[in-house]
Amino acid sequence: GVQLHILSTILEGAGRERQPRRRLDFRTLIRFQDEREKSSTDSTTSSTWQIRDRFRVAYSLNRPKVTSSGAIYVTADSEAFVLLDDGVLNELRIRSGVGYRLSYPWQFEALYVTSRQRTDSGAWATQYHALNLRVEYLF
């Protein structure tokens, strides 16, 4: 996928990123998401709004900061999906793994991902386990 961070680029300046103060870096990201589903049998469309709250922690193993060139780091995050209609935590996704920061624009990560979702009866069920190999290039 593609993510555009236009406002943060304008505020911090092009080619710059927020620098952590320590080797251990904490970040959070809150998203509002609207999911629309169109029925294949008729022309009805349903819409569901949810909040996605993602908390991430990363620790650099060989450099003073995670954002330093050549940094090898471990990272973990959890993401909670809350339906606005019900106010109920519907899904929980957890990622953990290792990463390598070649330079400012290039970053590589290997993450184990697991997701649990609430069933109709209210119990939690594992939705999937996955290996996520990520290559990021920042423009």
C-alpha atoms as a PDB file:
ATOM      1  CA  GLY A   1       0.000   0.000   0.000  1.00  0.00           C
ATOM      2  CA  VAL A   2       0.878   3.674  -0.046  1.00  0.00           C
ATOM      3  CA  GLN A   3       0.737   6.110   2.851  1.00  0.00           C
ATOM      4  CA  LEU A   4       0.951   9.859   2.368  1.00  0.00           C
ATOM      5  CA  HIS A   5       1.953  12.012   5.326  1.00  0.00           C
ATOM      6  CA  ILE A   6       1.430  15.419   3.791  1.00  0.00           C
ATOM      7  CA  LEU A   7       0.735  17.426   6.943  1.00  0.00           C
ATOM      8  CA  SER A   8       3.706  15.999   8.894  1.00  0.00           C
ATOM      9  CA  THR A   9       5.994  16.680   5.914  1.00  0.00           C
ATOM     10  CA  ILE A  10       4.859  20.308   5.767  1.00  0.00           C
ATOM     11  CA  LEU A  11       5.273  20.824   9.521  1.00  0.00           C
ATOM     12  CA  GLU A  12       8.666  19.095   9.865  1.00  0.00           C
ATOM     13  CA  GLY A  13      10.093  19.994   6.451  1.00  0.00           C
ATOM     14  CA  ALA A  14      10.709  17.782   3.441  1.00  0.00           C
ATOM     15  CA  GLY A  15      13.310  15.057   3.919  1.00  0.00           C
ATOM     16  CA  ARG A  16      13.161  15.236   7.707  1.00  0.00           C
ATOM     17  CA  GLU A  17      11.598  12.941  10.252  1.00  0.00           C
ATOM     18  CA  ARG A  18      10.905  13.062  13.965  1.00  0.00           C
ATOM     19  CA  GLN A  19      14.034  11.961  15.829  1.00  0.00           C
ATOM     20  CA  PRO A  20      13.590   9.926  19.019  1.00  0.00           C
ATOM     21  CA  ARG A  21      15.454  11.184  22.089  1.00  0.00           C
ATOM     22  CA  ARG A  22      16.544   7.726  23.262  1.00  0.00           C
ATOM     23  CA  ARG A  23      17.393   4.269  22.008  1.00  0.00           C
ATOM     24  CA  LEU A  24      13.879   3.107  22.987  1.00  0.00           C
ATOM     25  CA  ASP A  25      11.223   4.732  20.767  1.00  0.00           C
ATOM     26  CA  PHE A  26       7.474   4.853  21.508  1.00  0.00           C
ATOM     27  CA  ARG A  27       4.895   5.919  18.925  1.00  0.00           C
ATOM     28  CA  THR A  28       1.147   5.911  18.617  1.00  0.00           C
ATOM     29  CA  LEU A  29      -1.158   6.318  15.623  1.00  0.00           C
ATOM     30  CA  ILE A  30      -4.920   6.829  15.738  1.00  0.00           C
ATOM     31  CA  ARG A  31      -7.000   6.384  12.587  1.00  0.00           C
ATOM     32  CA  PHE A  32     -10.683   6.855  11.824  1.00  0.00           C
ATOM     33  CA  GLN A  33     -11.806   4.376   9.185  1.00  0.00           C
ATOM     34  CA  ASP A  34     -14.993   3.991   7.197  1.00  0.00           C
ATOM     35  CA  GLU A  35     -15.572   0.553   5.682  1.00  0.00           C
ATOM     36  CA  ARG A  36     -18.175   0.330   2.932  1.00  0.00           C
ATOM     37  CA  GLU A  37     -19.523  -2.937   1.606  1.00  0.00           C
ATOM     38  CA  LYS A  38     -21.712  -3.214  -1.474  1.00  0.00           C
ATOM     39  CA  SER A  39     -24.047  -6.178  -1.798  1.00  0.00           C
ATOM     40  CA  SER A  40     -23.581  -8.325  -4.912  1.00  0.00           C
ATOM     41  CA  THR A  41     -27.279  -9.223  -5.088  1.00  0.00           C
ATOM     42  CA  ASP A  42     -28.781  -5.719  -4.962  1.00  0.00           C
ATOM     43  CA  SER A  43     -27.579  -2.113  -4.897  1.00  0.00           C
ATOM     44  CA  THR A  44     -27.457  -1.651  -1.104  1.00  0.00           C
ATOM     45  CA  THR A  45     -24.306  -0.398   0.581  1.00  0.00           C
ATOM     46  CA  SER A  46     -23.484  -0.727   4.288  1.00  0.00           C
ATOM     47  CA  SER A  47     -21.068   1.528   6.136  1.00  0.00           C
ATOM     48  CA  THR A  48     -19.189   0.908   9.384  1.00  0.00           C
ATOM     49  CA  TRP A  49     -17.020   3.469  11.194  1.00  0.00           C
ATOM     50  CA  GLN A  50     -14.234   2.367  13.494  1.00  0.00           C
ATOM     51  CA  ILE A  51     -11.253   3.777  15.371  1.00  0.00           C
ATOM     52  CA  ARG A  52      -7.890   2.056  14.975  1.00  0.00           C
ATOM     53  CA  ASP A  53      -5.417   2.780  17.785  1.00  0.00           C
ATOM     54  CA  ARG A  54      -1.870   1.512  17.165  1.00  0.00           C
ATOM     55  CA  PHE A  55       0.849   1.635  19.837  1.00  0.00           C
ATOM     56  CA  ARG A  56       4.422   0.814  18.739  1.00  0.00           C
ATOM     57  CA  VAL A  57       7.712   0.391  20.553  1.00  0.00           C
ATOM     58  CA  ALA A  58      11.123  -0.078  18.903  1.00  0.00           C
ATOM     59  CA  TYR A  59      14.578  -0.623  20.424  1.00  0.00           C
ATOM     60  CA  SER A  60      17.833  -0.120  18.536  1.00  0.00           C
ATOM     61  CA  LEU A  61      20.396  -2.875  19.135  1.00  0.00           C
ATOM     62  CA  ASN A  62      23.521  -1.361  17.573  1.00  0.00           C
ATOM     63  CA  ARG A  63      22.969   2.412  17.162  1.00  0.00           C
ATOM     64  CA  PRO A  64      21.964   5.202  19.560  1.00  0.00           C
ATOM     65  CA  LYS A  65      18.618   5.710  17.756  1.00  0.00           C
ATOM     66  CA  VAL A  66      16.229   3.629  15.657  1.00  0.00           C
ATOM     67  CA  THR A  67      16.380   6.326  12.959  1.00  0.00           C
ATOM     68  CA  SER A  68      20.191   6.135  12.587  1.00  0.00           C
ATOM     69  CA  SER A  69      21.621   4.729   9.346  1.00  0.00           C
ATOM     70  CA  GLY A  70      22.647   1.091   9.789  1.00  0.00           C
ATOM     71  CA  ALA A  71      20.402   0.563  12.825  1.00  0.00           C
ATOM     72  CA  ILE A  72      19.261  -2.981  13.574  1.00  0.00           C
ATOM     73  CA  TYR A  73      16.239  -2.920  15.845  1.00  0.00           C
ATOM     74  CA  VAL A  74      13.492  -5.009  17.392  1.00  0.00           C
ATOM     75  CA  THR A  75       9.944  -3.736  17.209  1.00  0.00           C
ATOM     76  CA  ALA A  76       6.497  -4.663  18.501  1.00  0.00           C
ATOM     77  CA  ASP A  77       3.095  -3.049  18.216  1.00  0.00           C
ATOM     78  CA  SER A  78      -0.513  -3.710  19.038  1.00  0.00           C
ATOM     79  CA  GLU A  79      -3.490  -2.311  17.155  1.00  0.00           C
ATOM     80  CA  ALA A  80      -6.996  -2.190  18.592  1.00  0.00           C
ATOM     81  CA  PHE A  81     -10.070  -1.855  16.348  1.00  0.00           C
ATOM     82  CA  VAL A  82     -13.085  -0.270  18.075  1.00  0.00           C
ATOM     83  CA  LEU A  83     -16.459  -0.043  16.313  1.00  0.00           C
ATOM     84  CA  LEU A  84     -17.979   3.414  16.827  1.00  0.00           C
ATOM     85  CA  ASP A  85     -21.568   2.145  16.531  1.00  0.00           C
ATOM     86  CA  ASP A  86     -21.183  -0.226  19.502  1.00  0.00           C
ATOM     87  CA  GLY A  87     -18.115   1.179  21.278  1.00  0.00           C
ATOM     88  CA  VAL A  88     -16.823  -2.407  21.468  1.00  0.00           C
ATOM     89  CA  LEU A  89     -13.282  -3.649  20.868  1.00  0.00           C
ATOM     90  CA  ASN A  90     -13.810  -5.832  17.812  1.00  0.00           C
ATOM     91  CA  GLU A  91     -10.301  -6.866  16.725  1.00  0.00           C
ATOM     92  CA  LEU A  92      -6.778  -6.929  18.155  1.00  0.00           C
ATOM     93  CA  ARG A  93      -3.710  -7.252  15.926  1.00  0.00           C
ATOM     94  CA  ILE A  94      -0.182  -7.815  17.292  1.00  0.00           C
ATOM     95  CA  ARG A  95       3.063  -7.526  15.311  1.00  0.00           C
ATOM     96  CA  SER A  96       6.635  -8.192  16.430  1.00  0.00           C
ATOM     97  CA  GLY A  97       9.950  -8.687  14.674  1.00  0.00           C
ATOM     98  CA  VAL A  98      13.251  -7.194  13.563  1.00  0.00           C
ATOM     99  CA  GLY A  99      14.183  -4.368  11.235  1.00  0.00           C
ATOM    100  CA  TYR A 100      17.167  -2.815   9.519  1.00  0.00           C
ATOM    101  CA  ARG A 101      17.490   0.875   8.621  1.00  0.00           C
ATOM    102  CA  LEU A 102      19.908   1.172   5.686  1.00  0.00           C
ATOM    103  CA  SER A 103      19.575   4.946   5.359  1.00  0.00           C
ATOM    104  CA  TYR A 104      16.931   7.654   5.715  1.00  0.00           C
ATOM    105  CA  PRO A 105      14.710   6.465   2.854  1.00  0.00           C
ATOM    106  CA  TRP A 106      15.349   2.669   3.016  1.00  0.00           C
ATOM    107  CA  GLN A 107      14.015   0.412   5.757  1.00  0.00           C
ATOM    108  CA  PHE A 108      13.477  -3.379   5.881  1.00  0.00           C
ATOM    109  CA  GLU A 109      11.378  -5.356   8.399  1.00  0.00           C
ATOM    110  CA  ALA A 110      10.421  -8.982   9.042  1.00  0.00           C
ATOM    111  CA  LEU A 111       7.377  -9.228  11.315  1.00  0.00           C
ATOM    112  CA  TYR A 112       5.250 -11.998  12.788  1.00  0.00           C
ATOM    113  CA  VAL A 113       1.593 -10.901  12.799  1.00  0.00           C
ATOM    114  CA  THR A 114      -1.349 -12.420  14.620  1.00  0.00           C
ATOM    115  CA  SER A 115      -4.923 -11.147  14.673  1.00  0.00           C
ATOM    116  CA  ARG A 116      -7.786 -12.026  17.006  1.00  0.00           C
ATOM    117  CA  GLN A 117     -11.394 -11.052  16.344  1.00  0.00           C
ATOM    118  CA  ARG A 118     -14.511 -11.106  18.478  1.00  0.00           C
ATOM    119  CA  THR A 119     -17.113 -13.621  17.272  1.00  0.00           C
ATOM    120  CA  ASP A 120     -20.888 -13.142  17.313  1.00  0.00           C
ATOM    121  CA  SER A 121     -21.056 -14.934  20.683  1.00  0.00           C
ATOM    122  CA  GLY A 122     -18.545 -12.464  22.189  1.00  0.00           C
ATOM    123  CA  ALA A 123     -15.638 -14.917  22.437  1.00  0.00           C
ATOM    124  CA  TRP A 124     -12.224 -14.176  20.922  1.00  0.00           C
ATOM    125  CA  ALA A 125     -11.012 -16.306  18.004  1.00  0.00           C
ATOM    126  CA  THR A 126      -7.704 -16.217  16.161  1.00  0.00           C
ATOM    127  CA  GLN A 127      -8.311 -14.858  12.681  1.00  0.00           C
ATOM    128  CA  TYR A 128      -4.836 -15.485  11.203  1.00  0.00           C
ATOM    129  CA  HIS A 129      -1.077 -15.788  11.716  1.00  0.00           C
ATOM    130  CA  ALA A 130       1.226 -14.289   9.078  1.00  0.00           C
ATOM    131  CA  LEU A 131       4.785 -13.363   8.232  1.00  0.00           C
ATOM    132  CA  ASN A 132       5.042  -9.785   6.956  1.00  0.00           C
ATOM    133  CA  LEU A 133       8.184  -8.872   4.985  1.00  0.00           C
ATOM    134  CA  ARG A 134       8.293  -5.108   4.475  1.00  0.00           C
ATOM    135  CA  VAL A 135      10.474  -2.866   2.330  1.00  0.00           C
ATOM    136  CA  GLU A 136       9.857   0.842   2.878  1.00  0.00           C
ATOM    137  CA  TYR A 137      11.172   3.705   0.791  1.00  0.00           C
ATOM    138  CA  LEU A 138      10.418   7.245   1.976  1.00  0.00           C
ATOM    139  CA  PHE A 139      10.242   9.938  -0.701  1.00  0.00           C
END
